[in-house]
Amino acid sequence: MAGLFITFEGGDGAGKTTQSKLLATWLEQRGYEVVHTREPGGSSLGDSVRNVLLHGGHVYERAEALLYAADRAQNIAEVVRPALERGAAVVQDRYIDSSLAYQGAGRPLPQDEVRRINEWATGGLWPALTVLLDMNPEVAIARREAAGQKADRLEREAAEFHLRVRAEYLKLASVEPERFLVLDATRPVEELHEQIAARIAPLADG
């Protein structure tokens, strides 16, 4: 059985964790070993980087982009590639597209430079499928507040920042429709899971 790399993208509060867990269970039922990971924070180094990026003080824009890339390099080398090489399915919350959206559009950093450092950090590894859970940022904020969740450093950015991030995600998906599955994240949880499973079935069973 060949390894399978699937990533979930979208704004905070869109339901990435819920859908990635449902997918992990679905893949396990089909005989896969499933490695469920996240960025930042998926590796031994990642938890420290995650704390700095999401819960620390001010981080300059270029430093932020490099920290995300460093975390990503470690996660790919330590977790993702070994799993794929032994035929596991890797289900991951966020990947390079997050940096392209948040640092390459939310921040005023050159898109091509953000892409270049991340492709270098990962050795050019891209997922077989990226599920983009699309949602209006205002709805996502309301969801988070209703759940009593405290906003992290990025979530506290102005509305304009999150609108730029959303627009960039949709742009990335329009450029690579064969890699992206774009879904309306306000739809019922089970409906979304069924759509994700239907798209992944040919990859998982092939």
C-alpha atoms as a PDB file:
ATOM      1  CA  MET A   1       0.000   0.000   0.000  1.00  0.00           C
ATOM      2  CA  ALA A   2       1.472   3.328  -1.061  1.00  0.00           C
ATOM      3  CA  GLY A   3       1.648   6.263   1.324  1.00  0.00           C
ATOM      4  CA  LEU A   4      -0.969   8.996   1.092  1.00  0.00           C
ATOM      5  CA  PHE A   5      -0.497  12.644   2.100  1.00  0.00           C
ATOM      6  CA  ILE A   6      -3.620  14.764   2.700  1.00  0.00           C
ATOM      7  CA  THR A   7      -3.744  18.259   4.157  1.00  0.00           C
ATOM      8  CA  PHE A   8      -6.520  20.439   5.550  1.00  0.00           C
ATOM      9  CA  GLU A   9      -6.548  24.209   5.117  1.00  0.00           C
ATOM     10  CA  GLY A  10      -8.790  27.125   5.999  1.00  0.00           C
ATOM     11  CA  GLY A  11      -9.242  29.803   8.602  1.00  0.00           C
ATOM     12  CA  ASP A  12      -9.328  29.032  12.294  1.00  0.00           C
ATOM     13  CA  GLY A  13     -12.757  27.810  13.340  1.00  0.00           C
ATOM     14  CA  ALA A  14     -13.585  26.242   9.967  1.00  0.00           C
ATOM     15  CA  GLY A  15     -13.617  22.694  11.358  1.00  0.00           C
ATOM     16  CA  LYS A  16     -10.279  21.352  10.126  1.00  0.00           C
ATOM     17  CA  THR A  17      -9.596  19.338  13.279  1.00  0.00           C
ATOM     18  CA  THR A  18     -13.048  17.744  13.266  1.00  0.00           C
ATOM     19  CA  GLN A  19     -12.878  16.746   9.605  1.00  0.00           C
ATOM     20  CA  SER A  20      -9.292  15.519   9.771  1.00  0.00           C
ATOM     21  CA  LYS A  21     -10.182  13.234  12.697  1.00  0.00           C
ATOM     22  CA  LEU A  22     -13.191  11.841  10.834  1.00  0.00           C
ATOM     23  CA  LEU A  23     -11.011  11.211   7.790  1.00  0.00           C
ATOM     24  CA  ALA A  24      -8.352   9.499   9.904  1.00  0.00           C
ATOM     25  CA  THR A  25     -10.976   7.062  11.223  1.00  0.00           C
ATOM     26  CA  TRP A  26     -12.315   6.472   7.690  1.00  0.00           C
ATOM     27  CA  LEU A  27      -8.824   5.668   6.396  1.00  0.00           C
ATOM     28  CA  GLU A  28      -8.090   3.328   9.296  1.00  0.00           C
ATOM     29  CA  GLN A  29     -11.242   1.401   8.403  1.00  0.00           C
ATOM     30  CA  ARG A  30      -9.707   0.878   4.952  1.00  0.00           C
ATOM     31  CA  GLY A  31      -6.556  -0.653   6.357  1.00  0.00           C
ATOM     32  CA  TYR A  32      -4.265   2.347   6.517  1.00  0.00           C
ATOM     33  CA  GLU A  33      -1.936   3.192   9.321  1.00  0.00           C
ATOM     34  CA  VAL A  34      -2.842   6.836   9.871  1.00  0.00           C
ATOM     35  CA  VAL A  35      -0.500   9.514  11.161  1.00  0.00           C
ATOM     36  CA  HIS A  36      -2.435  12.599  12.247  1.00  0.00           C
ATOM     37  CA  THR A  37      -0.225  15.661  12.565  1.00  0.00           C
ATOM     38  CA  ARG A  38      -0.371  19.450  12.489  1.00  0.00           C
ATOM     39  CA  GLU A  39       1.621  22.585  11.765  1.00  0.00           C
ATOM     40  CA  PRO A  40       2.982  24.233  13.676  1.00  0.00           C
ATOM     41  CA  GLY A  41       3.631  21.656  16.352  1.00  0.00           C
ATOM     42  CA  GLY A  42       3.751  18.253  14.708  1.00  0.00           C
ATOM     43  CA  SER A  43       7.348  17.365  15.593  1.00  0.00           C
ATOM     44  CA  SER A  44       9.531  17.279  18.678  1.00  0.00           C
ATOM     45  CA  LEU A  45      10.729  20.782  17.815  1.00  0.00           C
ATOM     46  CA  GLY A  46       7.305  21.944  16.720  1.00  0.00           C
ATOM     47  CA  ASP A  47       5.643  22.459  20.096  1.00  0.00           C
ATOM     48  CA  SER A  48       8.270  25.020  21.061  1.00  0.00           C
ATOM     49  CA  VAL A  49       7.928  26.822  17.738  1.00  0.00           C
ATOM     50  CA  ARG A  50       4.122  26.723  17.999  1.00  0.00           C
ATOM     51  CA  ASN A  51       4.218  28.375  21.411  1.00  0.00           C
ATOM     52  CA  VAL A  52       6.389  31.212  20.069  1.00  0.00           C
ATOM     53  CA  LEU A  53       4.315  31.721  16.922  1.00  0.00           C
ATOM     54  CA  LEU A  54       0.831  31.541  18.408  1.00  0.00           C
ATOM     55  CA  HIS A  55       1.206  32.527  22.038  1.00  0.00           C
ATOM     56  CA  GLY A  56       4.404  34.564  22.275  1.00  0.00           C
ATOM     57  CA  GLY A  57       5.060  38.260  21.866  1.00  0.00           C
ATOM     58  CA  HIS A  58       5.784  40.231  18.723  1.00  0.00           C
ATOM     59  CA  VAL A  59       7.416  38.281  15.886  1.00  0.00           C
ATOM     60  CA  TYR A  60       8.707  40.184  12.869  1.00  0.00           C
ATOM     61  CA  GLU A  61       7.121  39.175   9.556  1.00  0.00           C
ATOM     62  CA  ARG A  62      10.202  37.584   7.975  1.00  0.00           C
ATOM     63  CA  ALA A  63      11.072  35.828  11.227  1.00  0.00           C
ATOM     64  CA  GLU A  64       7.505  34.505  11.371  1.00  0.00           C
ATOM     65  CA  ALA A  65       7.743  33.098   7.850  1.00  0.00           C
ATOM     66  CA  LEU A  66      11.088  31.450   8.609  1.00  0.00           C
ATOM     67  CA  LEU A  67       9.856  29.931  11.869  1.00  0.00           C
ATOM     68  CA  TYR A  68       6.906  28.350  10.070  1.00  0.00           C
ATOM     69  CA  ALA A  69       9.256  26.987   7.406  1.00  0.00           C
ATOM     70  CA  ALA A  70      11.648  25.626  10.046  1.00  0.00           C
ATOM     71  CA  ASP A  71       8.813  23.873  11.861  1.00  0.00           C
ATOM     72  CA  ARG A  72       7.646  22.467   8.528  1.00  0.00           C
ATOM     73  CA  ALA A  73      11.109  21.176   7.624  1.00  0.00           C
ATOM     74  CA  GLN A  74      11.356  19.343  10.942  1.00  0.00           C
ATOM     75  CA  ASN A  75       7.857  17.878  10.674  1.00  0.00           C
ATOM     76  CA  ILE A  76       8.442  16.595   7.150  1.00  0.00           C
ATOM     77  CA  ALA A  77      11.789  15.019   8.039  1.00  0.00           C
ATOM     78  CA  GLU A  78      10.749  13.569  11.395  1.00  0.00           C
ATOM     79  CA  VAL A  79       7.104  12.621  10.901  1.00  0.00           C
ATOM     80  CA  VAL A  80       5.728  12.863   7.375  1.00  0.00           C
ATOM     81  CA  ARG A  81       8.357  11.331   5.087  1.00  0.00           C
ATOM     82  CA  PRO A  82       9.038   8.307   7.349  1.00  0.00           C
ATOM     83  CA  ALA A  83       5.285   7.648   7.511  1.00  0.00           C
ATOM     84  CA  LEU A  84       4.831   7.902   3.755  1.00  0.00           C
ATOM     85  CA  GLU A  85       7.828   5.649   3.137  1.00  0.00           C
ATOM     86  CA  ARG A  86       6.267   2.873   5.210  1.00  0.00           C
ATOM     87  CA  GLY A  87       2.933   3.235   3.388  1.00  0.00           C
ATOM     88  CA  ALA A  88       0.981   5.175   5.986  1.00  0.00           C
ATOM     89  CA  ALA A  89      -1.617   7.848   5.340  1.00  0.00           C
ATOM     90  CA  VAL A  90      -0.651  11.249   6.722  1.00  0.00           C
ATOM     91  CA  VAL A  91      -3.555  13.535   7.557  1.00  0.00           C
ATOM     92  CA  GLN A  92      -2.225  16.985   8.405  1.00  0.00           C
ATOM     93  CA  ASP A  93      -3.737  20.198   9.715  1.00  0.00           C
ATOM     94  CA  ARG A  94      -2.083  22.990   7.658  1.00  0.00           C
ATOM     95  CA  TYR A  95       0.885  22.926   5.299  1.00  0.00           C
ATOM     96  CA  ILE A  96       2.612  25.189   2.751  1.00  0.00           C
ATOM     97  CA  ASP A  97      -0.666  26.720   1.585  1.00  0.00           C
ATOM     98  CA  SER A  98      -1.072  28.221   5.062  1.00  0.00           C
ATOM     99  CA  SER A  99       2.184  30.125   4.677  1.00  0.00           C
ATOM    100  CA  LEU A 100       1.228  31.256   1.182  1.00  0.00           C
ATOM    101  CA  ALA A 101      -2.085  32.563   2.525  1.00  0.00           C
ATOM    102  CA  TYR A 102      -1.065  33.963   5.901  1.00  0.00           C
ATOM    103  CA  GLN A 103       2.476  35.195   5.251  1.00  0.00           C
ATOM    104  CA  GLY A 104       2.267  35.677   1.476  1.00  0.00           C
ATOM    105  CA  ALA A 105      -1.078  37.494   1.492  1.00  0.00           C
ATOM    106  CA  GLY A 106      -2.074  38.331   5.061  1.00  0.00           C
ATOM    107  CA  ARG A 107       1.416  39.771   5.593  1.00  0.00           C
ATOM    108  CA  PRO A 108       3.107  42.002   3.003  1.00  0.00           C
ATOM    109  CA  LEU A 109       5.713  39.399   2.082  1.00  0.00           C
ATOM    110  CA  PRO A 110       6.546  38.407  -1.523  1.00  0.00           C
ATOM    111  CA  GLN A 111       4.527  35.332  -2.459  1.00  0.00           C
ATOM    112  CA  ASP A 112       7.301  33.825  -4.563  1.00  0.00           C
ATOM    113  CA  GLU A 113       9.807  34.094  -1.714  1.00  0.00           C
ATOM    114  CA  VAL A 114       7.441  32.449   0.762  1.00  0.00           C
ATOM    115  CA  ARG A 115       6.844  29.611  -1.687  1.00  0.00           C
ATOM    116  CA  ARG A 116      10.547  29.192  -2.395  1.00  0.00           C
ATOM    117  CA  ILE A 117      11.672  28.890   1.233  1.00  0.00           C
ATOM    118  CA  ASN A 118       8.880  26.413   1.986  1.00  0.00           C
ATOM    119  CA  GLU A 119       9.541  24.226  -1.033  1.00  0.00           C
ATOM    120  CA  TRP A 120      13.220  24.208  -0.033  1.00  0.00           C
ATOM    121  CA  ALA A 121      12.313  23.357   3.575  1.00  0.00           C
ATOM    122  CA  THR A 122      10.156  20.406   2.517  1.00  0.00           C
ATOM    123  CA  GLY A 123      12.235  19.156  -0.385  1.00  0.00           C
ATOM    124  CA  GLY A 124       9.368  19.958  -2.742  1.00  0.00           C
ATOM    125  CA  LEU A 125       6.864  17.588  -1.122  1.00  0.00           C
ATOM    126  CA  TRP A 126       3.225  18.439  -1.882  1.00  0.00           C
ATOM    127  CA  PRO A 127       0.090  16.542  -0.784  1.00  0.00           C
ATOM    128  CA  ALA A 128      -2.018  14.389  -3.056  1.00  0.00           C
ATOM    129  CA  LEU A 129      -5.084  16.335  -1.920  1.00  0.00           C
ATOM    130  CA  THR A 130      -5.717  19.545   0.001  1.00  0.00           C
ATOM    131  CA  VAL A 131      -9.149  20.035   1.557  1.00  0.00           C
ATOM    132  CA  LEU A 132      -9.964  23.735   1.874  1.00  0.00           C
ATOM    133  CA  LEU A 133     -12.760  24.421   4.337  1.00  0.00           C
ATOM    134  CA  ASP A 134     -13.925  27.851   3.261  1.00  0.00           C
ATOM    135  CA  MET A 135     -15.753  30.163   5.641  1.00  0.00           C
ATOM    136  CA  ASN A 136     -16.395  33.860   6.114  1.00  0.00           C
ATOM    137  CA  PRO A 137     -13.942  35.018   8.813  1.00  0.00           C
ATOM    138  CA  GLU A 138     -16.765  36.676  10.768  1.00  0.00           C
ATOM    139  CA  VAL A 139     -18.566  33.343  11.047  1.00  0.00           C
ATOM    140  CA  ALA A 140     -15.364  31.657  12.173  1.00  0.00           C
ATOM    141  CA  ILE A 141     -14.848  34.271  14.892  1.00  0.00           C
ATOM    142  CA  ALA A 142     -18.405  33.768  16.106  1.00  0.00           C
ATOM    143  CA  ARG A 143     -17.859  30.008  16.239  1.00  0.00           C
ATOM    144  CA  ARG A 144     -14.679  30.418  18.269  1.00  0.00           C
ATOM    145  CA  GLU A 145     -16.284  32.828  20.706  1.00  0.00           C
ATOM    146  CA  ALA A 146     -19.318  30.571  21.128  1.00  0.00           C
ATOM    147  CA  ALA A 147     -16.976  27.714  22.011  1.00  0.00           C
ATOM    148  CA  GLY A 148     -15.211  29.887  24.583  1.00  0.00           C
ATOM    149  CA  GLN A 149     -11.853  29.610  22.836  1.00  0.00           C
ATOM    150  CA  LYS A 150      -9.197  32.248  23.441  1.00  0.00           C
ATOM    151  CA  ALA A 151      -7.825  33.860  20.265  1.00  0.00           C
ATOM    152  CA  ASP A 152      -4.148  33.269  19.482  1.00  0.00           C
ATOM    153  CA  ARG A 153      -1.732  35.841  18.036  1.00  0.00           C
ATOM    154  CA  LEU A 154      -2.844  35.357  14.415  1.00  0.00           C
ATOM    155  CA  GLU A 155      -6.524  35.105  15.241  1.00  0.00           C
ATOM    156  CA  ARG A 156      -6.316  38.550  16.869  1.00  0.00           C
ATOM    157  CA  GLU A 157      -5.302  40.165  13.569  1.00  0.00           C
ATOM    158  CA  ALA A 158      -7.710  42.684  12.011  1.00  0.00           C
ATOM    159  CA  ALA A 159     -10.616  41.577   9.826  1.00  0.00           C
ATOM    160  CA  GLU A 160      -8.836  42.824   6.694  1.00  0.00           C
ATOM    161  CA  PHE A 161      -5.984  40.412   7.376  1.00  0.00           C
ATOM    162  CA  HIS A 162      -8.321  37.425   7.523  1.00  0.00           C
ATOM    163  CA  LEU A 163     -10.172  38.535   4.398  1.00  0.00           C
ATOM    164  CA  ARG A 164      -6.874  38.622   2.499  1.00  0.00           C
ATOM    165  CA  VAL A 165      -6.043  35.149   3.788  1.00  0.00           C
ATOM    166  CA  ARG A 166      -9.394  33.768   2.659  1.00  0.00           C
ATOM    167  CA  ALA A 167      -9.085  35.360  -0.770  1.00  0.00           C
ATOM    168  CA  GLU A 168      -5.610  33.915  -1.229  1.00  0.00           C
ATOM    169  CA  TYR A 169      -6.760  30.422  -0.279  1.00  0.00           C
ATOM    170  CA  LEU A 170      -9.487  30.591  -2.921  1.00  0.00           C
ATOM    171  CA  LYS A 171      -6.992  31.894  -5.464  1.00  0.00           C
ATOM    172  CA  LEU A 172      -4.591  29.033  -4.748  1.00  0.00           C
ATOM    173  CA  ALA A 173      -7.430  26.537  -5.154  1.00  0.00           C
ATOM    174  CA  SER A 174      -8.491  28.058  -8.475  1.00  0.00           C
ATOM    175  CA  VAL A 175      -4.945  27.657  -9.824  1.00  0.00           C
ATOM    176  CA  GLU A 176      -4.686  23.981  -8.770  1.00  0.00           C
ATOM    177  CA  PRO A 177      -8.209  22.533  -8.908  1.00  0.00           C
ATOM    178  CA  GLU A 178      -6.840  18.997  -9.337  1.00  0.00           C
ATOM    179  CA  ARG A 179      -5.169  19.201  -5.905  1.00  0.00           C
ATOM    180  CA  PHE A 180      -7.808  21.156  -3.988  1.00  0.00           C
ATOM    181  CA  LEU A 181     -11.247  20.203  -2.767  1.00  0.00           C
ATOM    182  CA  VAL A 182     -13.045  23.410  -1.735  1.00  0.00           C
ATOM    183  CA  LEU A 183     -16.019  23.005   0.573  1.00  0.00           C
ATOM    184  CA  ASP A 184     -18.433  25.360   2.283  1.00  0.00           C
ATOM    185  CA  ALA A 185     -17.441  24.910   5.925  1.00  0.00           C
ATOM    186  CA  THR A 186     -20.869  26.025   7.171  1.00  0.00           C
ATOM    187  CA  ARG A 187     -22.429  22.804   5.862  1.00  0.00           C
ATOM    188  CA  PRO A 188     -23.242  19.979   8.320  1.00  0.00           C
ATOM    189  CA  VAL A 189     -20.267  18.011   9.633  1.00  0.00           C
ATOM    190  CA  GLU A 190     -21.381  14.651   8.243  1.00  0.00           C
ATOM    191  CA  GLU A 191     -22.176  16.111   4.817  1.00  0.00           C
ATOM    192  CA  LEU A 192     -18.674  17.561   4.596  1.00  0.00           C
ATOM    193  CA  HIS A 193     -17.119  14.266   5.659  1.00  0.00           C
ATOM    194  CA  GLU A 194     -19.040  12.392   2.961  1.00  0.00           C
ATOM    195  CA  GLN A 195     -17.814  14.803   0.289  1.00  0.00           C
ATOM    196  CA  ILE A 196     -14.225  14.474   1.493  1.00  0.00           C
ATOM    197  CA  ALA A 197     -14.416  10.683   1.591  1.00  0.00           C
ATOM    198  CA  ALA A 198     -15.887  10.563  -1.915  1.00  0.00           C
ATOM    199  CA  ARG A 199     -13.032  12.637  -3.293  1.00  0.00           C
ATOM    200  CA  ILE A 200     -10.343  10.625  -1.495  1.00  0.00           C
ATOM    201  CA  ALA A 201     -11.748   7.151  -2.189  1.00  0.00           C
ATOM    202  CA  PRO A 202     -10.051   6.796  -5.613  1.00  0.00           C
ATOM    203  CA  LEU A 203      -6.718   7.805  -4.065  1.00  0.00           C
ATOM    204  CA  ALA A 204      -7.091   5.577  -1.021  1.00  0.00           C
ATOM    205  CA  ASP A 205      -8.339   2.509  -2.900  1.00  0.00           C
ATOM    206  CA  GLY A 206      -6.112   2.890  -5.952  1.00  0.00           C
END
